[in-house]
Each structure stands twice: as structure tokens, then as C-alpha cells.
Amino acid sequence: MSEPRISRDDVAHLAGLARIDLSEAELDRLGAELPSILGYVAEVQAVAGDDVEAMSHPIPVRNVFRPDVPTPSLAPADALAGAPAAEDDKFLVPQILGED
């Protein structure tokens, strides 16, 4: 299988699209490495048939977040007890935008 040809200009263009600032040395190095990487991707695509499900991770990932269930929390007075300033059960902060 022949490796795809990628010019240094192609690497610079891709880096620009990805908003990655690469040095001259990095452009040269990646220009040499990217054809091999694309070759490996092509090999994987060749063996992955229609019966292989696409996945975002090589191992199963499960949701590690707790259920979104309301639980008891601090009373407003307790939450505001250490605040430098409070008003109407809310933290009072200095105005910064000049708006009411």
C-alpha cells in the first residue's frame, strides 16, 4: 500500500485550519510523519467492515455523573453568612458594566 503524499504546504494549511502554530522544524517533522499516520488509518478502514460499529473510544465508556436529583442544600442565610455583602437573599457584588 503506497503512502499518501503530503507536502509541507499541506501540513501548514492543516495547522492553520486547526489554529495550531507550528515551528519550521515541526512542519518538516509532521510532513514526514503524517503519510505514515494516514496509511495506518487506511489499514484500519480496510478491515473495518459494515458490521463494525463506529465508536468514539476504544473501550466502553459509561456516564460517571450522579443522577440529577434535588437534594437538601444550605439555607440562604447560611450560604450568605460569610459573604462580604448581601441583599434580598443574594450575594451583593460591585457593579462593573454600568447597568442597573
N, C-alpha and C. Protein backbone atom coordinates (compact mmCIF):
# COMPACT_ATOMS: atom_id res chain seq x y z
N MET A 1 0.85 -1.17 0.00
CA MET A 1 0.00 0.00 0.00
C MET A 1 0.89 1.24 0.00
N SER A 2 0.69 2.15 -0.93
CA SER A 2 1.52 3.34 -1.00
C SER A 2 0.99 4.39 -0.04
N GLU A 3 1.92 5.13 0.54
CA GLU A 3 1.54 6.18 1.49
C GLU A 3 1.09 7.41 0.72
N PRO A 4 0.09 8.10 1.21
CA PRO A 4 -0.35 9.33 0.56
C PRO A 4 0.75 10.38 0.61
N ARG A 5 0.79 11.23 -0.36
CA ARG A 5 1.79 12.29 -0.41
C ARG A 5 1.21 13.55 0.25
N ILE A 6 1.95 14.09 1.19
CA ILE A 6 1.54 15.30 1.87
C ILE A 6 2.71 16.28 1.82
N SER A 7 2.46 17.43 1.24
CA SER A 7 3.53 18.42 1.13
C SER A 7 3.63 19.22 2.43
N ARG A 8 4.73 19.91 2.57
CA ARG A 8 4.93 20.79 3.72
C ARG A 8 3.84 21.87 3.73
N ASP A 9 3.46 22.35 2.54
CA ASP A 9 2.40 23.34 2.43
C ASP A 9 1.06 22.78 2.92
N ASP A 10 0.80 21.48 2.63
CA ASP A 10 -0.42 20.84 3.12
C ASP A 10 -0.44 20.83 4.65
N VAL A 11 0.70 20.50 5.24
CA VAL A 11 0.80 20.47 6.70
C VAL A 11 0.56 21.87 7.27
N ALA A 12 1.15 22.88 6.65
CA ALA A 12 0.97 24.26 7.11
C ALA A 12 -0.50 24.67 6.98
N HIS A 13 -1.14 24.26 5.89
CA HIS A 13 -2.55 24.59 5.68
C HIS A 13 -3.42 23.92 6.75
N LEU A 14 -3.18 22.64 7.02
CA LEU A 14 -3.94 21.93 8.05
C LEU A 14 -3.72 22.56 9.42
N ALA A 15 -2.49 22.93 9.72
CA ALA A 15 -2.18 23.57 11.00
C ALA A 15 -2.95 24.89 11.12
N GLY A 16 -3.02 25.63 10.01
CA GLY A 16 -3.77 26.89 10.03
C GLY A 16 -5.25 26.66 10.27
N LEU A 17 -5.82 25.63 9.62
CA LEU A 17 -7.24 25.32 9.83
C LEU A 17 -7.52 24.94 11.28
N ALA A 18 -6.57 24.23 11.89
CA ALA A 18 -6.73 23.79 13.28
C ALA A 18 -6.28 24.87 14.27
N ARG A 19 -5.81 26.00 13.74
CA ARG A 19 -5.31 27.10 14.56
C ARG A 19 -4.19 26.64 15.48
N ILE A 20 -3.26 25.86 14.90
CA ILE A 20 -2.09 25.38 15.63
C ILE A 20 -0.87 26.09 15.04
N ASP A 21 -0.12 26.74 15.89
CA ASP A 21 1.08 27.45 15.45
C ASP A 21 2.26 26.47 15.50
N LEU A 22 2.77 26.07 14.33
CA LEU A 22 3.88 25.12 14.26
C LEU A 22 5.15 25.83 13.82
N SER A 23 6.26 25.42 14.42
CA SER A 23 7.56 25.95 14.02
C SER A 23 7.96 25.32 12.69
N GLU A 24 9.00 25.85 12.08
CA GLU A 24 9.51 25.30 10.82
C GLU A 24 9.92 23.84 11.00
N ALA A 25 10.58 23.54 12.12
CA ALA A 25 11.01 22.17 12.39
C ALA A 25 9.82 21.23 12.56
N GLU A 26 8.77 21.71 13.23
CA GLU A 26 7.57 20.89 13.43
C GLU A 26 6.86 20.62 12.10
N LEU A 27 6.82 21.62 11.23
CA LEU A 27 6.22 21.42 9.91
C LEU A 27 6.97 20.34 9.14
N ASP A 28 8.29 20.37 9.20
CA ASP A 28 9.09 19.36 8.50
C ASP A 28 8.87 17.97 9.09
N ARG A 29 8.87 17.88 10.42
CA ARG A 29 8.70 16.59 11.09
C ARG A 29 7.32 16.00 10.81
N LEU A 30 6.28 16.83 10.95
CA LEU A 30 4.93 16.33 10.70
C LEU A 30 4.71 15.99 9.23
N GLY A 31 5.35 16.72 8.35
CA GLY A 31 5.26 16.40 6.93
C GLY A 31 5.78 15.00 6.64
N ALA A 32 6.77 14.58 7.41
CA ALA A 32 7.32 13.23 7.25
C ALA A 32 6.47 12.18 7.96
N GLU A 33 5.82 12.54 9.07
CA GLU A 33 5.06 11.56 9.87
C GLU A 33 3.62 11.36 9.39
N LEU A 34 2.98 12.41 8.90
CA LEU A 34 1.57 12.30 8.53
C LEU A 34 1.27 11.24 7.47
N PRO A 35 2.10 11.06 6.45
CA PRO A 35 1.79 9.99 5.49
C PRO A 35 1.69 8.61 6.15
N SER A 36 2.57 8.33 7.10
CA SER A 36 2.51 7.04 7.80
C SER A 36 1.22 6.94 8.62
N ILE A 37 0.86 8.01 9.30
CA ILE A 37 -0.35 8.01 10.11
C ILE A 37 -1.57 7.76 9.23
N LEU A 38 -1.64 8.46 8.10
CA LEU A 38 -2.76 8.25 7.19
C LEU A 38 -2.77 6.84 6.62
N GLY A 39 -1.59 6.27 6.41
CA GLY A 39 -1.51 4.88 5.96
C GLY A 39 -2.11 3.93 6.99
N TYR A 40 -1.82 4.17 8.27
CA TYR A 40 -2.38 3.33 9.33
C TYR A 40 -3.90 3.47 9.39
N VAL A 41 -4.39 4.68 9.21
CA VAL A 41 -5.84 4.90 9.21
C VAL A 41 -6.47 4.14 8.05
N ALA A 42 -5.84 4.16 6.91
CA ALA A 42 -6.36 3.44 5.74
C ALA A 42 -6.40 1.93 6.00
N GLU A 43 -5.39 1.40 6.69
CA GLU A 43 -5.38 -0.03 7.03
C GLU A 43 -6.55 -0.38 7.93
N VAL A 44 -6.81 0.45 8.93
CA VAL A 44 -7.93 0.20 9.84
C VAL A 44 -9.25 0.27 9.09
N GLN A 45 -9.37 1.26 8.21
CA GLN A 45 -10.61 1.39 7.43
C GLN A 45 -10.82 0.18 6.53
N ALA A 46 -9.74 -0.40 6.03
CA ALA A 46 -9.85 -1.54 5.13
C ALA A 46 -10.41 -2.77 5.84
N VAL A 47 -10.07 -2.96 7.10
CA VAL A 47 -10.55 -4.14 7.82
C VAL A 47 -11.86 -3.91 8.55
N ALA A 48 -12.22 -2.66 8.75
CA ALA A 48 -13.47 -2.37 9.45
C ALA A 48 -14.62 -2.44 8.44
N GLY A 49 -15.35 -3.53 8.51
CA GLY A 49 -16.47 -3.73 7.59
C GLY A 49 -17.73 -3.04 8.09
N ASP A 50 -18.80 -3.25 7.35
CA ASP A 50 -20.08 -2.64 7.72
C ASP A 50 -20.62 -3.18 9.05
N ASP A 51 -20.14 -4.36 9.46
CA ASP A 51 -20.62 -4.95 10.70
C ASP A 51 -19.88 -4.42 11.93
N VAL A 52 -18.88 -3.56 11.72
CA VAL A 52 -18.13 -3.00 12.85
C VAL A 52 -18.73 -1.64 13.19
N GLU A 53 -19.23 -1.52 14.42
CA GLU A 53 -19.88 -0.29 14.85
C GLU A 53 -18.84 0.80 15.10
N ALA A 54 -19.13 2.00 14.63
CA ALA A 54 -18.25 3.14 14.87
C ALA A 54 -18.28 3.48 16.35
N MET A 55 -17.14 3.91 16.87
CA MET A 55 -17.07 4.26 18.29
C MET A 55 -16.16 5.45 18.48
N SER A 56 -16.37 6.17 19.56
CA SER A 56 -15.53 7.32 19.85
C SER A 56 -14.37 6.95 20.76
N HIS A 57 -14.47 5.81 21.45
CA HIS A 57 -13.42 5.36 22.37
C HIS A 57 -13.17 3.87 22.14
N PRO A 58 -11.92 3.44 22.35
CA PRO A 58 -11.62 2.02 22.14
C PRO A 58 -12.18 1.10 23.22
N ILE A 59 -12.56 1.67 24.35
CA ILE A 59 -13.16 0.87 25.42
C ILE A 59 -14.52 1.47 25.75
N PRO A 60 -15.45 0.67 26.27
CA PRO A 60 -16.77 1.22 26.61
C PRO A 60 -16.66 2.32 27.66
N VAL A 61 -17.40 3.37 27.47
CA VAL A 61 -17.40 4.50 28.40
C VAL A 61 -18.80 4.61 28.97
N ARG A 62 -18.87 4.79 30.27
CA ARG A 62 -20.18 4.93 30.89
C ARG A 62 -20.27 6.30 31.54
N ASN A 63 -21.47 6.75 31.74
CA ASN A 63 -21.70 8.02 32.38
C ASN A 63 -21.33 7.90 33.85
N VAL A 64 -20.42 8.72 34.30
CA VAL A 64 -19.98 8.65 35.70
C VAL A 64 -20.62 9.73 36.56
N PHE A 65 -21.56 10.47 36.00
CA PHE A 65 -22.23 11.51 36.76
C PHE A 65 -23.37 10.91 37.58
N ARG A 66 -23.64 11.54 38.69
CA ARG A 66 -24.75 11.09 39.52
C ARG A 66 -26.06 11.54 38.89
N PRO A 67 -27.15 10.91 39.23
CA PRO A 67 -28.45 11.36 38.71
C PRO A 67 -28.73 12.80 39.17
N ASP A 68 -29.41 13.55 38.35
CA ASP A 68 -29.74 14.94 38.68
C ASP A 68 -31.01 14.94 39.52
N VAL A 69 -30.80 14.78 40.82
CA VAL A 69 -31.91 14.69 41.77
C VAL A 69 -31.74 15.81 42.79
N PRO A 70 -32.78 16.59 43.04
CA PRO A 70 -32.66 17.65 44.05
C PRO A 70 -32.37 17.06 45.42
N THR A 71 -31.48 17.69 46.13
CA THR A 71 -31.15 17.27 47.49
C THR A 71 -31.17 18.51 48.39
N PRO A 72 -31.28 18.31 49.69
CA PRO A 72 -31.28 19.46 50.59
C PRO A 72 -29.98 20.25 50.45
N SER A 73 -30.08 21.56 50.54
CA SER A 73 -28.89 22.41 50.43
C SER A 73 -28.91 23.44 51.54
N LEU A 74 -27.97 24.35 51.51
CA LEU A 74 -27.88 25.38 52.54
C LEU A 74 -29.07 26.33 52.46
N ALA A 75 -29.46 26.79 53.60
CA ALA A 75 -30.47 27.86 53.64
C ALA A 75 -29.79 29.13 53.16
N PRO A 76 -30.53 30.05 52.54
CA PRO A 76 -29.91 31.29 52.05
C PRO A 76 -29.09 32.02 53.12
N ALA A 77 -29.59 32.07 54.33
CA ALA A 77 -28.85 32.76 55.40
C ALA A 77 -27.51 32.09 55.68
N ASP A 78 -27.48 30.75 55.65
CA ASP A 78 -26.23 30.03 55.87
C ASP A 78 -25.26 30.24 54.71
N ALA A 79 -25.79 30.22 53.48
CA ALA A 79 -24.93 30.41 52.32
C ALA A 79 -24.33 31.81 52.30
N LEU A 80 -25.07 32.79 52.76
CA LEU A 80 -24.61 34.18 52.72
C LEU A 80 -23.88 34.59 53.99
N ALA A 81 -23.75 33.70 54.95
CA ALA A 81 -23.15 34.05 56.24
C ALA A 81 -21.73 34.59 56.10
N GLY A 82 -20.96 34.09 55.18
CA GLY A 82 -19.58 34.55 55.04
C GLY A 82 -19.39 35.57 53.94
N ALA A 83 -20.47 36.00 53.31
CA ALA A 83 -20.37 36.95 52.21
C ALA A 83 -20.04 38.34 52.73
N PRO A 84 -19.19 39.08 52.02
CA PRO A 84 -18.88 40.45 52.44
C PRO A 84 -20.11 41.35 52.40
N ALA A 85 -21.03 41.08 51.45
CA ALA A 85 -22.24 41.89 51.35
C ALA A 85 -23.34 41.04 50.74
N ALA A 86 -24.58 41.28 51.22
CA ALA A 86 -25.74 40.55 50.70
C ALA A 86 -26.94 41.48 50.71
N GLU A 87 -27.87 41.16 49.80
CA GLU A 87 -29.11 41.95 49.73
C GLU A 87 -30.20 41.07 49.15
N ASP A 88 -31.36 41.03 49.77
CA ASP A 88 -32.50 40.25 49.31
C ASP A 88 -32.13 38.78 49.07
N ASP A 89 -31.44 38.17 50.03
CA ASP A 89 -31.02 36.76 49.94
C ASP A 89 -30.14 36.48 48.72
N LYS A 90 -29.34 37.47 48.29
CA LYS A 90 -28.42 37.30 47.16
C LYS A 90 -27.08 37.91 47.52
N PHE A 91 -26.01 37.39 46.90
CA PHE A 91 -24.71 38.00 47.06
C PHE A 91 -24.73 39.38 46.41
N LEU A 92 -24.17 40.36 47.08
CA LEU A 92 -24.10 41.71 46.53
C LEU A 92 -22.67 41.94 46.05
N VAL A 93 -22.53 42.23 44.77
CA VAL A 93 -21.19 42.43 44.19
C VAL A 93 -21.13 43.81 43.55
N PRO A 94 -19.94 44.34 43.39
CA PRO A 94 -19.81 45.67 42.80
C PRO A 94 -20.27 45.65 41.34
N GLN A 95 -20.92 46.75 40.94
CA GLN A 95 -21.37 46.89 39.57
C GLN A 95 -20.15 47.13 38.67
N ILE A 96 -20.07 46.40 37.53
CA ILE A 96 -18.89 46.56 36.66
C ILE A 96 -19.26 47.01 35.25
N LEU A 97 -20.50 46.89 34.86
CA LEU A 97 -20.87 47.21 33.48
C LEU A 97 -21.61 48.53 33.34
N GLY A 98 -21.86 49.19 34.42
CA GLY A 98 -22.56 50.46 34.33
C GLY A 98 -24.03 50.32 34.00
N GLU A 99 -24.60 49.16 34.28
CA GLU A 99 -26.02 48.92 34.01
C GLU A 99 -26.75 48.71 35.32
N ASP A 100 -28.05 48.92 35.31
CA ASP A 100 -28.85 48.67 36.51
C ASP A 100 -29.29 47.23 36.58
